Amino acid sequence: MDALAGLLEGPRARGAFMIRACFDPPWAVRIEDRAPLTVMLMVRGDAWVVPDTGERLRLRAGDLAIARGPDPYTCADDPGTEPRAVILPGGECGYPDGRPLNGSMDLGVRTWGDR
């Protein structure tokens, strides 16, 4: 089995979901959902993936990144931007202080953000 076949065969995408995130700077989202695999595609703009340990990664328009879980990380416009939202297991989302977002960033079907 080659690496791509293993990637597609292993997780089987059970419980998978897709979301489009649309933010204007400054923005940062803390990912603590414990997902085994996350695929990110930058359509426009730049972003940083900042893991708790290891090297940060800059994404530019057209770049694709794969995060292997379950370790948490932050996606942001700049590595120094503090998170404005936290994504938790089960698709729950909240503010960093623990308050629920209650749909305040919902922008429509499978779209989330502040613009």
PDB file of N, CA and C in Angstrom:
ATOM      1  N   MET A   1       0.857  -1.179   0.000  1.00  0.00           N
ATOM      2  CA  MET A   1       0.000   0.000   0.000  1.00  0.00           C
ATOM      3  C   MET A   1       0.898   1.234   0.000  1.00  0.00           C
ATOM      4  N   ASP A   2       0.633   2.179  -0.907  1.00  0.00           N
ATOM      5  CA  ASP A   2       1.427   3.406  -0.923  1.00  0.00           C
ATOM      6  C   ASP A   2       0.892   4.394   0.115  1.00  0.00           C
ATOM      7  N   ALA A   3       1.611   5.499   0.311  1.00  0.00           N
ATOM      8  CA  ALA A   3       1.257   6.471   1.353  1.00  0.00           C
ATOM      9  C   ALA A   3      -0.126   7.070   1.142  1.00  0.00           C
ATOM     10  N   LEU A   4      -0.489   7.421  -0.086  1.00  0.00           N
ATOM     11  CA  LEU A   4      -1.801   8.015  -0.337  1.00  0.00           C
ATOM     12  C   LEU A   4      -2.916   7.005  -0.073  1.00  0.00           C
ATOM     13  N   ALA A   5      -2.732   5.776  -0.522  1.00  0.00           N
ATOM     14  CA  ALA A   5      -3.745   4.746  -0.270  1.00  0.00           C
ATOM     15  C   ALA A   5      -3.923   4.537   1.230  1.00  0.00           C
ATOM     16  N   GLY A   6      -2.829   4.540   1.980  1.00  0.00           N
ATOM     17  CA  GLY A   6      -2.903   4.397   3.426  1.00  0.00           C
ATOM     18  C   GLY A   6      -3.633   5.558   4.084  1.00  0.00           C
ATOM     19  N   LEU A   7      -3.381   6.770   3.599  1.00  0.00           N
ATOM     20  CA  LEU A   7      -4.050   7.951   4.130  1.00  0.00           C
ATOM     21  C   LEU A   7      -5.553   7.866   3.924  1.00  0.00           C
ATOM     22  N   LEU A   8      -5.974   7.446   2.743  1.00  0.00           N
ATOM     23  CA  LEU A   8      -7.401   7.386   2.434  1.00  0.00           C
ATOM     24  C   LEU A   8      -8.080   6.168   3.058  1.00  0.00           C
ATOM     25  N   GLU A   9      -7.378   5.072   3.178  1.00  0.00           N
ATOM     26  CA  GLU A   9      -7.954   3.838   3.708  1.00  0.00           C
ATOM     27  C   GLU A   9      -8.056   3.866   5.231  1.00  0.00           C
ATOM     28  N   GLY A  10      -7.019   4.362   5.902  1.00  0.00           N
ATOM     29  CA  GLY A  10      -6.943   4.303   7.353  1.00  0.00           C
ATOM     30  C   GLY A  10      -8.070   4.996   8.096  1.00  0.00           C
ATOM     31  N   PRO A  11      -8.256   6.298   7.946  1.00  0.00           N
ATOM     32  CA  PRO A  11      -9.262   7.003   8.737  1.00  0.00           C
ATOM     33  C   PRO A  11     -10.708   6.691   8.353  1.00  0.00           C
ATOM     34  N   ARG A  12     -10.954   6.335   7.112  1.00  0.00           N
ATOM     35  CA  ARG A  12     -12.290   6.019   6.602  1.00  0.00           C
ATOM     36  C   ARG A  12     -13.295   7.164   6.761  1.00  0.00           C
ATOM     37  N   ALA A  13     -12.853   8.296   7.227  1.00  0.00           N
ATOM     38  CA  ALA A  13     -13.669   9.516   7.291  1.00  0.00           C
ATOM     39  C   ALA A  13     -14.975   9.348   8.034  1.00  0.00           C
ATOM     40  N   ARG A  14     -15.018   8.483   9.024  1.00  0.00           N
ATOM     41  CA  ARG A  14     -16.223   8.352   9.856  1.00  0.00           C
ATOM     42  C   ARG A  14     -16.368   9.602  10.711  1.00  0.00           C
ATOM     43  N   GLY A  15     -17.548  10.178  10.723  1.00  0.00           N
ATOM     44  CA  GLY A  15     -17.792  11.379  11.508  1.00  0.00           C
ATOM     45  C   GLY A  15     -17.157  12.625  10.916  1.00  0.00           C
ATOM     46  N   ALA A  16     -16.757  12.568   9.666  1.00  0.00           N
ATOM     47  CA  ALA A  16     -16.091  13.704   9.033  1.00  0.00           C
ATOM     48  C   ALA A  16     -17.070  14.845   8.773  1.00  0.00           C
ATOM     49  N   PHE A  17     -16.544  16.041   8.752  1.00  0.00           N
ATOM     50  CA  PHE A  17     -17.342  17.196   8.359  1.00  0.00           C
ATOM     51  C   PHE A  17     -16.455  18.161   7.596  1.00  0.00           C
ATOM     52  N   MET A  18     -17.087  19.022   6.829  1.00  0.00           N
ATOM     53  CA  MET A  18     -16.375  20.011   6.039  1.00  0.00           C
ATOM     54  C   MET A  18     -16.940  21.377   6.385  1.00  0.00           C
ATOM     55  N   ILE A  19     -16.044  22.337   6.521  1.00  0.00           N
ATOM     56  CA  ILE A  19     -16.493  23.692   6.821  1.00  0.00           C
ATOM     57  C   ILE A  19     -15.589  24.681   6.092  1.00  0.00           C
ATOM     58  N   ARG A  20     -16.181  25.760   5.657  1.00  0.00           N
ATOM     59  CA  ARG A  20     -15.434  26.861   5.049  1.00  0.00           C
ATOM     60  C   ARG A  20     -15.321  27.946   6.114  1.00  0.00           C
ATOM     61  N   ALA A  21     -14.109  28.403   6.372  1.00  0.00           N
ATOM     62  CA  ALA A  21     -13.884  29.445   7.368  1.00  0.00           C
ATOM     63  C   ALA A  21     -13.491  30.733   6.661  1.00  0.00           C
ATOM     64  N   CYS A  22     -14.165  31.817   7.005  1.00  0.00           N
ATOM     65  CA  CYS A  22     -13.931  33.128   6.378  1.00  0.00           C
ATOM     66  C   CYS A  22     -13.670  34.157   7.472  1.00  0.00           C
ATOM     67  N   PHE A  23     -12.437  34.648   7.551  1.00  0.00           N
ATOM     68  CA  PHE A  23     -12.066  35.602   8.586  1.00  0.00           C
ATOM     69  C   PHE A  23     -11.316  36.777   7.994  1.00  0.00           C
ATOM     70  N   ASP A  24     -11.487  37.937   8.612  1.00  0.00           N
ATOM     71  CA  ASP A  24     -10.668  39.108   8.333  1.00  0.00           C
ATOM     72  C   ASP A  24      -9.687  39.253   9.489  1.00  0.00           C
ATOM     73  N   PRO A  25      -8.422  39.605   9.216  1.00  0.00           N
ATOM     74  CA  PRO A  25      -7.435  39.773  10.292  1.00  0.00           C
ATOM     75  C   PRO A  25      -7.842  40.879  11.254  1.00  0.00           C
ATOM     76  N   PRO A  26      -7.486  40.776  12.494  1.00  0.00           N
ATOM     77  CA  PRO A  26      -6.769  39.670  13.120  1.00  0.00           C
ATOM     78  C   PRO A  26      -7.735  38.532  13.475  1.00  0.00           C
ATOM     79  N   TRP A  27      -7.266  37.297  13.303  1.00  0.00           N
ATOM     80  CA  TRP A  27      -8.095  36.140  13.649  1.00  0.00           C
ATOM     81  C   TRP A  27      -7.203  34.984  14.085  1.00  0.00           C
ATOM     82  N   ALA A  28      -7.732  34.150  14.938  1.00  0.00           N
ATOM     83  CA  ALA A  28      -7.069  32.913  15.339  1.00  0.00           C
ATOM     84  C   ALA A  28      -8.120  31.983  15.916  1.00  0.00           C
ATOM     85  N   VAL A  29      -8.008  30.706  15.594  1.00  0.00           N
ATOM     86  CA  VAL A  29      -8.919  29.677  16.078  1.00  0.00           C
ATOM     87  C   VAL A  29      -8.078  28.559  16.676  1.00  0.00           C
ATOM     88  N   ARG A  30      -8.394  28.191  17.887  1.00  0.00           N
ATOM     89  CA  ARG A  30      -7.715  27.098  18.585  1.00  0.00           C
ATOM     90  C   ARG A  30      -8.464  25.804  18.264  1.00  0.00           C
ATOM     91  N   ILE A  31      -7.760  24.790  17.781  1.00  0.00           N
ATOM     92  CA  ILE A  31      -8.363  23.520  17.416  1.00  0.00           C
ATOM     93  C   ILE A  31      -8.005  22.495  18.496  1.00  0.00           C
ATOM     94  N   GLU A  32      -9.017  22.063  19.242  1.00  0.00           N
ATOM     95  CA  GLU A  32      -8.838  21.069  20.299  1.00  0.00           C
ATOM     96  C   GLU A  32      -9.846  19.937  20.127  1.00  0.00           C
ATOM     97  N   ASP A  33     -10.206  19.622  18.887  1.00  0.00           N
ATOM     98  CA  ASP A  33     -11.268  18.644  18.634  1.00  0.00           C
ATOM     99  C   ASP A  33     -10.808  17.191  18.684  1.00  0.00           C
ATOM    100  N   ARG A  34      -9.501  16.956  18.802  1.00  0.00           N
ATOM    101  CA  ARG A  34      -8.925  15.615  18.893  1.00  0.00           C
ATOM    102  C   ARG A  34      -9.168  14.775  17.648  1.00  0.00           C
ATOM    103  N   ALA A  35      -9.437  15.431  16.506  1.00  0.00           N
ATOM    104  CA  ALA A  35      -9.652  14.713  15.250  1.00  0.00           C
ATOM    105  C   ALA A  35      -8.371  13.972  14.869  1.00  0.00           C
ATOM    106  N   PRO A  36      -8.483  12.765  14.344  1.00  0.00           N
ATOM    107  CA  PRO A  36      -7.289  12.027  13.946  1.00  0.00           C
ATOM    108  C   PRO A  36      -6.611  12.620  12.710  1.00  0.00           C
ATOM    109  N   LEU A  37      -7.389  13.357  11.897  1.00  0.00           N
ATOM    110  CA  LEU A  37      -6.840  13.907  10.663  1.00  0.00           C
ATOM    111  C   LEU A  37      -7.640  15.138  10.262  1.00  0.00           C
ATOM    112  N   THR A  38      -6.931  16.196   9.867  1.00  0.00           N
ATOM    113  CA  THR A  38      -7.583  17.402   9.372  1.00  0.00           C
ATOM    114  C   THR A  38      -6.882  17.821   8.086  1.00  0.00           C
ATOM    115  N   VAL A  39      -7.663  18.138   7.072  1.00  0.00           N
ATOM    116  CA  VAL A  39      -7.128  18.620   5.801  1.00  0.00           C
ATOM    117  C   VAL A  39      -7.538  20.088   5.666  1.00  0.00           C
ATOM    118  N   MET A  40      -6.561  20.954   5.438  1.00  0.00           N
ATOM    119  CA  MET A  40      -6.815  22.392   5.303  1.00  0.00           C
ATOM    120  C   MET A  40      -6.337  22.860   3.942  1.00  0.00           C
ATOM    121  N   LEU A  41      -7.142  23.647   3.263  1.00  0.00           N
ATOM    122  CA  LEU A  41      -6.787  24.218   1.963  1.00  0.00           C
ATOM    123  C   LEU A  41      -6.970  25.722   2.044  1.00  0.00           C
ATOM    124  N   MET A  42      -5.913  26.471   1.760  1.00  0.00           N
ATOM    125  CA  MET A  42      -5.997  27.930   1.731  1.00  0.00           C
ATOM    126  C   MET A  42      -6.453  28.346   0.339  1.00  0.00           C
ATOM    127  N   VAL A  43      -7.593  28.983   0.265  1.00  0.00           N
ATOM    128  CA  VAL A  43      -8.113  29.438  -1.014  1.00  0.00           C
ATOM    129  C   VAL A  43      -7.562  30.822  -1.346  1.00  0.00           C
ATOM    130  N   ARG A  44      -7.528  31.707  -0.342  1.00  0.00           N
ATOM    131  CA  ARG A  44      -6.924  33.023  -0.545  1.00  0.00           C
ATOM    132  C   ARG A  44      -6.365  33.531   0.767  1.00  0.00           C
ATOM    133  N   GLY A  45      -5.457  34.455   0.669  1.00  0.00           N
ATOM    134  CA  GLY A  45      -4.822  34.996   1.868  1.00  0.00           C
ATOM    135  C   GLY A  45      -3.721  34.087   2.387  1.00  0.00           C
ATOM    136  N   ASP A  46      -3.282  34.380   3.611  1.00  0.00           N
ATOM    137  CA  ASP A  46      -2.247  33.603   4.287  1.00  0.00           C
ATOM    138  C   ASP A  46      -2.766  33.177   5.649  1.00  0.00           C
ATOM    139  N   ALA A  47      -2.184  32.129   6.180  1.00  0.00           N
ATOM    140  CA  ALA A  47      -2.506  31.670   7.523  1.00  0.00           C
ATOM    141  C   ALA A  47      -1.290  30.946   8.085  1.00  0.00           C
ATOM    142  N   TRP A  48      -1.305  30.766   9.372  1.00  0.00           N
ATOM    143  CA  TRP A  48      -0.276  30.005  10.059  1.00  0.00           C
ATOM    144  C   TRP A  48      -0.936  28.865  10.818  1.00  0.00           C
ATOM    145  N   VAL A  49      -0.317  27.702  10.767  1.00  0.00           N
ATOM    146  CA  VAL A  49      -0.699  26.581  11.622  1.00  0.00           C
ATOM    147  C   VAL A  49       0.385  26.507  12.693  1.00  0.00           C
ATOM    148  N   VAL A  50      -0.040  26.663  13.958  1.00  0.00           N
ATOM    149  CA  VAL A  50       0.914  26.745  15.060  1.00  0.00           C
ATOM    150  C   VAL A  50       0.620  25.614  16.053  1.00  0.00           C
ATOM    151  N   PRO A  51       1.395  24.527  15.993  1.00  0.00           N
ATOM    152  CA  PRO A  51       1.186  23.442  16.951  1.00  0.00           C
ATOM    153  C   PRO A  51       1.763  23.810  18.313  1.00  0.00           C
ATOM    154  N   ASP A  52       1.304  23.120  19.361  1.00  0.00           N
ATOM    155  CA  ASP A  52       1.850  23.368  20.695  1.00  0.00           C
ATOM    156  C   ASP A  52       3.318  22.978  20.768  1.00  0.00           C
ATOM    157  N   THR A  53       3.694  21.930  20.035  1.00  0.00           N
ATOM    158  CA  THR A  53       5.095  21.518  19.945  1.00  0.00           C
ATOM    159  C   THR A  53       5.430  21.340  18.468  1.00  0.00           C
ATOM    160  N   GLY A  54       6.623  21.627  18.111  1.00  0.00           N
ATOM    161  CA  GLY A  54       7.031  21.497  16.715  1.00  0.00           C
ATOM    162  C   GLY A  54       7.044  22.844  16.017  1.00  0.00           C
ATOM    163  N   GLU A  55       7.322  22.784  14.726  1.00  0.00           N
ATOM    164  CA  GLU A  55       7.469  24.007  13.941  1.00  0.00           C
ATOM    165  C   GLU A  55       6.134  24.521  13.424  1.00  0.00           C
ATOM    166  N   ARG A  56       5.996  25.830  13.404  1.00  0.00           N
ATOM    167  CA  ARG A  56       4.815  26.446  12.799  1.00  0.00           C
ATOM    168  C   ARG A  56       4.951  26.385  11.280  1.00  0.00           C
ATOM    169  N   LEU A  57       3.819  26.460  10.595  1.00  0.00           N
ATOM    170  CA  LEU A  57       3.793  26.328   9.148  1.00  0.00           C
ATOM    171  C   LEU A  57       2.971  27.453   8.545  1.00  0.00           C
ATOM    172  N   ARG A  58       3.543  28.152   7.583  1.00  0.00           N
ATOM    173  CA  ARG A  58       2.811  29.215   6.886  1.00  0.00           C
ATOM    174  C   ARG A  58       2.103  28.634   5.677  1.00  0.00           C
ATOM    175  N   LEU A  59       0.828  28.969   5.520  1.00  0.00           N
ATOM    176  CA  LEU A  59       0.037  28.556   4.368  1.00  0.00           C
ATOM    177  C   LEU A  59      -0.272  29.781   3.527  1.00  0.00           C
ATOM    178  N   ARG A  60      -0.121  29.635   2.234  1.00  0.00           N
ATOM    179  CA  ARG A  60      -0.467  30.694   1.280  1.00  0.00           C
ATOM    180  C   ARG A  60      -1.557  30.164   0.360  1.00  0.00           C
ATOM    181  N   ALA A  61      -2.182  31.058  -0.377  1.00  0.00           N
ATOM    182  CA  ALA A  61      -3.256  30.650  -1.295  1.00  0.00           C
ATOM    183  C   ALA A  61      -2.788  29.491  -2.165  1.00  0.00           C
ATOM    184  N   GLY A  62      -3.611  28.442  -2.206  1.00  0.00           N
ATOM    185  CA  GLY A  62      -3.298  27.257  -2.991  1.00  0.00           C
ATOM    186  C   GLY A  62      -2.585  26.169  -2.212  1.00  0.00           C
ATOM    187  N   ASP A  63      -2.111  26.474  -1.003  1.00  0.00           N
ATOM    188  CA  ASP A  63      -1.426  25.461  -0.192  1.00  0.00           C
ATOM    189  C   ASP A  63      -2.423  24.541   0.482  1.00  0.00           C
ATOM    190  N   LEU A  64      -1.992  23.310   0.690  1.00  0.00           N
ATOM    191  CA  LEU A  64      -2.780  22.303   1.378  1.00  0.00           C
ATOM    192  C   LEU A  64      -1.950  21.781   2.537  1.00  0.00           C
ATOM    193  N   ALA A  65      -2.566  21.648   3.712  1.00  0.00           N
ATOM    194  CA  ALA A  65      -1.870  21.116   4.881  1.00  0.00           C
ATOM    195  C   ALA A  65      -2.703  19.993   5.470  1.00  0.00           C
ATOM    196  N   ILE A  66      -2.018  18.998   6.001  1.00  0.00           N
ATOM    197  CA  ILE A  66      -2.666  17.889   6.685  1.00  0.00           C
ATOM    198  C   ILE A  66      -2.143  17.873   8.110  1.00  0.00           C
ATOM    199  N   ALA A  67      -3.066  17.930   9.079  1.00  0.00           N
ATOM    200  CA  ALA A  67      -2.700  17.854  10.492  1.00  0.00           C
ATOM    201  C   ALA A  67      -3.115  16.482  11.006  1.00  0.00           C
ATOM    202  N   ARG A  68      -2.166  15.776  11.563  1.00  0.00           N
ATOM    203  CA  ARG A  68      -2.450  14.468  12.148  1.00  0.00           C
ATOM    204  C   ARG A  68      -2.683  14.661  13.635  1.00  0.00           C
ATOM    205  N   GLY A  69      -3.842  14.260  14.110  1.00  0.00           N
ATOM    206  CA  GLY A  69      -4.225  14.459  15.499  1.00  0.00           C
ATOM    207  C   GLY A  69      -3.667  13.388  16.402  1.00  0.00           C
ATOM    208  N   PRO A  70      -4.060  13.462  17.624  1.00  0.00           N
ATOM    209  CA  PRO A  70      -5.125  14.297  18.186  1.00  0.00           C
ATOM    210  C   PRO A  70      -4.628  15.570  18.860  1.00  0.00           C
ATOM    211  N   ASP A  71      -3.345  15.913  18.706  1.00  0.00           N
ATOM    212  CA  ASP A  71      -2.796  17.063  19.422  1.00  0.00           C
ATOM    213  C   ASP A  71      -3.414  18.380  18.960  1.00  0.00           C
ATOM    214  N   PRO A  72      -3.627  19.319  19.895  1.00  0.00           N
ATOM    215  CA  PRO A  72      -4.212  20.618  19.536  1.00  0.00           C
ATOM    216  C   PRO A  72      -3.225  21.519  18.808  1.00  0.00           C
ATOM    217  N   TYR A  73      -3.776  22.519  18.112  1.00  0.00           N
ATOM    218  CA  TYR A  73      -2.985  23.507  17.394  1.00  0.00           C
ATOM    219  C   TYR A  73      -3.844  24.746  17.189  1.00  0.00           C
ATOM    220  N   THR A  74      -3.228  25.812  16.722  1.00  0.00           N
ATOM    221  CA  THR A  74      -3.923  27.062  16.447  1.00  0.00           C
ATOM    222  C   THR A  74      -3.723  27.427  14.986  1.00  0.00           C
ATOM    223  N   CYS A  75      -4.786  27.881  14.343  1.00  0.00           N
ATOM    224  CA  CYS A  75      -4.713  28.453  12.998  1.00  0.00           C
ATOM    225  C   CYS A  75      -4.954  29.942  13.152  1.00  0.00           C
ATOM    226  N   ALA A  76      -4.109  30.753  12.512  1.00  0.00           N
ATOM    227  CA  ALA A  76      -4.191  32.196  12.730  1.00  0.00           C
ATOM    228  C   ALA A  76      -3.654  32.978  11.540  1.00  0.00           C
ATOM    229  N   ASP A  77      -3.997  34.269  11.519  1.00  0.00           N
ATOM    230  CA  ASP A  77      -3.443  35.162  10.498  1.00  0.00           C
ATOM    231  C   ASP A  77      -1.983  35.461  10.778  1.00  0.00           C
ATOM    232  N   ASP A  78      -1.589  35.380  12.046  1.00  0.00           N
ATOM    233  CA  ASP A  78      -0.228  35.655  12.491  1.00  0.00           C
ATOM    234  C   ASP A  78       0.050  34.758  13.694  1.00  0.00           C
ATOM    235  N   PRO A  79       1.241  34.194  13.823  1.00  0.00           N
ATOM    236  CA  PRO A  79       1.508  33.295  14.943  1.00  0.00           C
ATOM    237  C   PRO A  79       1.283  33.918  16.320  1.00  0.00           C
ATOM    238  N   GLY A  80       1.323  35.235  16.427  1.00  0.00           N
ATOM    239  CA  GLY A  80       1.137  35.899  17.712  1.00  0.00           C
ATOM    240  C   GLY A  80      -0.297  36.272  18.040  1.00  0.00           C
ATOM    241  N   THR A  81      -1.239  36.075  17.132  1.00  0.00           N
ATOM    242  CA  THR A  81      -2.632  36.444  17.381  1.00  0.00           C
ATOM    243  C   THR A  81      -3.272  35.469  18.365  1.00  0.00           C
ATOM    244  N   GLU A  82      -3.915  36.006  19.391  1.00  0.00           N
ATOM    245  CA  GLU A  82      -4.592  35.188  20.398  1.00  0.00           C
ATOM    246  C   GLU A  82      -5.886  34.619  19.819  1.00  0.00           C
ATOM    247  N   PRO A  83      -6.209  33.362  20.132  1.00  0.00           N
ATOM    248  CA  PRO A  83      -7.444  32.748  19.625  1.00  0.00           C
ATOM    249  C   PRO A  83      -8.699  33.491  20.067  1.00  0.00           C
ATOM    250  N   ARG A  84      -9.649  33.590  19.137  1.00  0.00           N
ATOM    251  CA  ARG A  84     -10.953  34.188  19.414  1.00  0.00           C
ATOM    252  C   ARG A  84     -12.019  33.121  19.575  1.00  0.00           C
ATOM    253  N   ALA A  85     -11.692  31.879  19.181  1.00  0.00           N
ATOM    254  CA  ALA A  85     -12.639  30.777  19.270  1.00  0.00           C
ATOM    255  C   ALA A  85     -11.855  29.480  19.484  1.00  0.00           C
ATOM    256  N   VAL A  86     -12.528  28.496  20.084  1.00  0.00           N
ATOM    257  CA  VAL A  86     -11.945  27.182  20.325  1.00  0.00           C
ATOM    258  C   VAL A  86     -12.900  26.139  19.764  1.00  0.00           C
ATOM    259  N   ILE A  87     -12.374  25.234  18.947  1.00  0.00           N
ATOM    260  CA  ILE A  87     -13.176  24.129  18.418  1.00  0.00           C
ATOM    261  C   ILE A  87     -12.865  22.903  19.267  1.00  0.00           C
ATOM    262  N   LEU A  88     -13.918  22.330  19.858  1.00  0.00           N
ATOM    263  CA  LEU A  88     -13.802  21.219  20.794  1.00  0.00           C
ATOM    264  C   LEU A  88     -14.320  19.927  20.161  1.00  0.00           C
ATOM    265  N   PRO A  89     -14.111  18.785  20.818  1.00  0.00           N
ATOM    266  CA  PRO A  89     -14.654  17.532  20.294  1.00  0.00           C
ATOM    267  C   PRO A  89     -16.164  17.611  20.074  1.00  0.00           C
ATOM    268  N   GLY A  90     -16.633  16.877  19.074  1.00  0.00           N
ATOM    269  CA  GLY A  90     -18.062  16.850  18.778  1.00  0.00           C
ATOM    270  C   GLY A  90     -18.557  18.069  18.034  1.00  0.00           C
ATOM    271  N   GLY A  91     -17.649  18.899  17.525  1.00  0.00           N
ATOM    272  CA  GLY A  91     -18.060  20.082  16.788  1.00  0.00           C
ATOM    273  C   GLY A  91     -18.517  21.233  17.666  1.00  0.00           C
ATOM    274  N   GLU A  92     -18.334  21.122  18.968  1.00  0.00           N
ATOM    275  CA  GLU A  92     -18.684  22.216  19.874  1.00  0.00           C
ATOM    276  C   GLU A  92     -17.688  23.348  19.713  1.00  0.00           C
ATOM    277  N   CYS A  93     -18.180  24.581  19.752  1.00  0.00           N
ATOM    278  CA  CYS A  93     -17.321  25.752  19.609  1.00  0.00           C
ATOM    279  C   CYS A  93     -17.600  26.726  20.734  1.00  0.00           C
ATOM    280  N   GLY A  94     -16.544  27.363  21.220  1.00  0.00           N
ATOM    281  CA  GLY A  94     -16.717  28.325  22.294  1.00  0.00           C
ATOM    282  C   GLY A  94     -15.662  29.409  22.228  1.00  0.00           C
ATOM    283  N   TYR A  95     -15.846  30.387  23.112  1.00  0.00           N
ATOM    284  CA  TYR A  95     -14.833  31.413  23.289  1.00  0.00           C
ATOM    285  C   TYR A  95     -13.716  30.837  24.154  1.00  0.00           C
ATOM    286  N   PRO A  96     -12.518  31.402  24.112  1.00  0.00           N
ATOM    287  CA  PRO A  96     -11.422  30.883  24.927  1.00  0.00           C
ATOM    288  C   PRO A  96     -11.723  30.854  26.430  1.00  0.00           C
ATOM    289  N   ASP A  97     -12.628  31.707  26.902  1.00  0.00           N
ATOM    290  CA  ASP A  97     -12.963  31.707  28.328  1.00  0.00           C
ATOM    291  C   ASP A  97     -13.994  30.642  28.698  1.00  0.00           C
ATOM    292  N   GLY A  98     -14.428  29.831  27.710  1.00  0.00           N
ATOM    293  CA  GLY A  98     -15.352  28.737  27.990  1.00  0.00           C
ATOM    294  C   GLY A  98     -16.806  29.001  27.645  1.00  0.00           C
ATOM    295  N   ARG A  99     -17.165  30.256  27.382  1.00  0.00           N
ATOM    296  CA  ARG A  99     -18.549  30.550  26.997  1.00  0.00           C
ATOM    297  C   ARG A  99     -18.829  29.954  25.620  1.00  0.00           C
ATOM    298  N   PRO A 100     -20.043  29.424  25.399  1.00  0.00           N
ATOM    299  CA  PRO A 100     -20.372  28.885  24.072  1.00  0.00           C
ATOM    300  C   PRO A 100     -20.533  30.006  23.046  1.00  0.00           C
ATOM    301  N   LEU A 101     -20.187  29.705  21.803  1.00  0.00           N
ATOM    302  CA  LEU A 101     -20.357  30.691  20.723  1.00  0.00           C
ATOM    303  C   LEU A 101     -21.829  30.841  20.331  1.00  0.00           C
ATOM    304  N   ASN A 102     -22.613  29.787  20.542  1.00  0.00           N
ATOM    305  CA  ASN A 102     -24.052  29.834  20.248  1.00  0.00           C
ATOM    306  C   ASN A 102     -24.360  30.327  18.840  1.00  0.00           C
ATOM    307  N   GLY A 103     -23.590  29.892  17.870  1.00  0.00           N
ATOM    308  CA  GLY A 103     -23.872  30.233  16.477  1.00  0.00           C
ATOM    309  C   GLY A 103     -23.496  31.640  16.070  1.00  0.00           C
ATOM    310  N   SER A 104     -22.780  32.391  16.926  1.00  0.00           N
ATOM    311  CA  SER A 104     -22.475  33.788  16.600  1.00  0.00           C
ATOM    312  C   SER A 104     -21.551  33.934  15.393  1.00  0.00           C
ATOM    313  N   MET A 105     -20.857  32.860  14.996  1.00  0.00           N
ATOM    314  CA  MET A 105     -19.977  32.935  13.836  1.00  0.00           C
ATOM    315  C   MET A 105     -20.520  32.153  12.648  1.00  0.00           C
ATOM    316  N   ASP A 106     -21.734  31.638  12.755  1.00  0.00           N
ATOM    317  CA  ASP A 106     -22.340  30.926  11.629  1.00  0.00           C
ATOM    318  C   ASP A 106     -22.673  31.911  10.517  1.00  0.00           C
ATOM    319  N   LEU A 107     -22.229  31.590   9.311  1.00  0.00           N
ATOM    320  CA  LEU A 107     -22.459  32.465   8.157  1.00  0.00           C
ATOM    321  C   LEU A 107     -23.296  31.792   7.080  1.00  0.00           C
ATOM    322  N   GLY A 108     -23.873  30.653   7.365  1.00  0.00           N
ATOM    323  CA  GLY A 108     -24.656  29.927   6.390  1.00  0.00           C
ATOM    324  C   GLY A 108     -24.260  28.474   6.365  1.00  0.00           C
ATOM    325  N   VAL A 109     -24.695  27.766   5.364  1.00  0.00           N
ATOM    326  CA  VAL A 109     -24.443  26.339   5.271  1.00  0.00           C
ATOM    327  C   VAL A 109     -22.932  26.069   5.200  1.00  0.00           C
ATOM    328  N   ARG A 110     -22.431  25.331   6.170  1.00  0.00           N
ATOM    329  CA  ARG A 110     -21.026  24.931   6.227  1.00  0.00           C
ATOM    330  C   ARG A 110     -20.050  26.099   6.115  1.00  0.00           C
ATOM    331  N   THR A 111     -20.464  27.274   6.551  1.00  0.00           N
ATOM    332  CA  THR A 111     -19.594  28.461   6.496  1.00  0.00           C
ATOM    333  C   THR A 111     -19.561  29.096   7.877  1.00  0.00           C
ATOM    334  N   TRP A 112     -18.361  29.478   8.308  1.00  0.00           N
ATOM    335  CA  TRP A 112     -18.156  29.952   9.660  1.00  0.00           C
ATOM    336  C   TRP A 112     -17.124  31.061   9.641  1.00  0.00           C
ATOM    337  N   GLY A 113     -17.264  32.074  10.468  1.00  0.00           N
ATOM    338  CA  GLY A 113     -16.273  33.136  10.521  1.00  0.00           C
ATOM    339  C   GLY A 113     -16.838  34.459  10.952  1.00  0.00           C
ATOM    340  N   ASP A 114     -16.145  35.547  10.544  1.00  0.00           N
ATOM    341  CA  ASP A 114     -16.558  36.890  10.951  1.00  0.00           C
ATOM    342  C   ASP A 114     -16.804  37.822   9.771  1.00  0.00           C
ATOM    343  N   ARG A 115     -16.872  37.269   8.546  1.00  0.00           N
ATOM    344  CA  ARG A 115     -17.186  38.150   7.399  1.00  0.00           C
ATOM    345  C   ARG A 115     -18.125  37.479   6.434  1.00  0.00           C
TER     346      ARG A 115
END
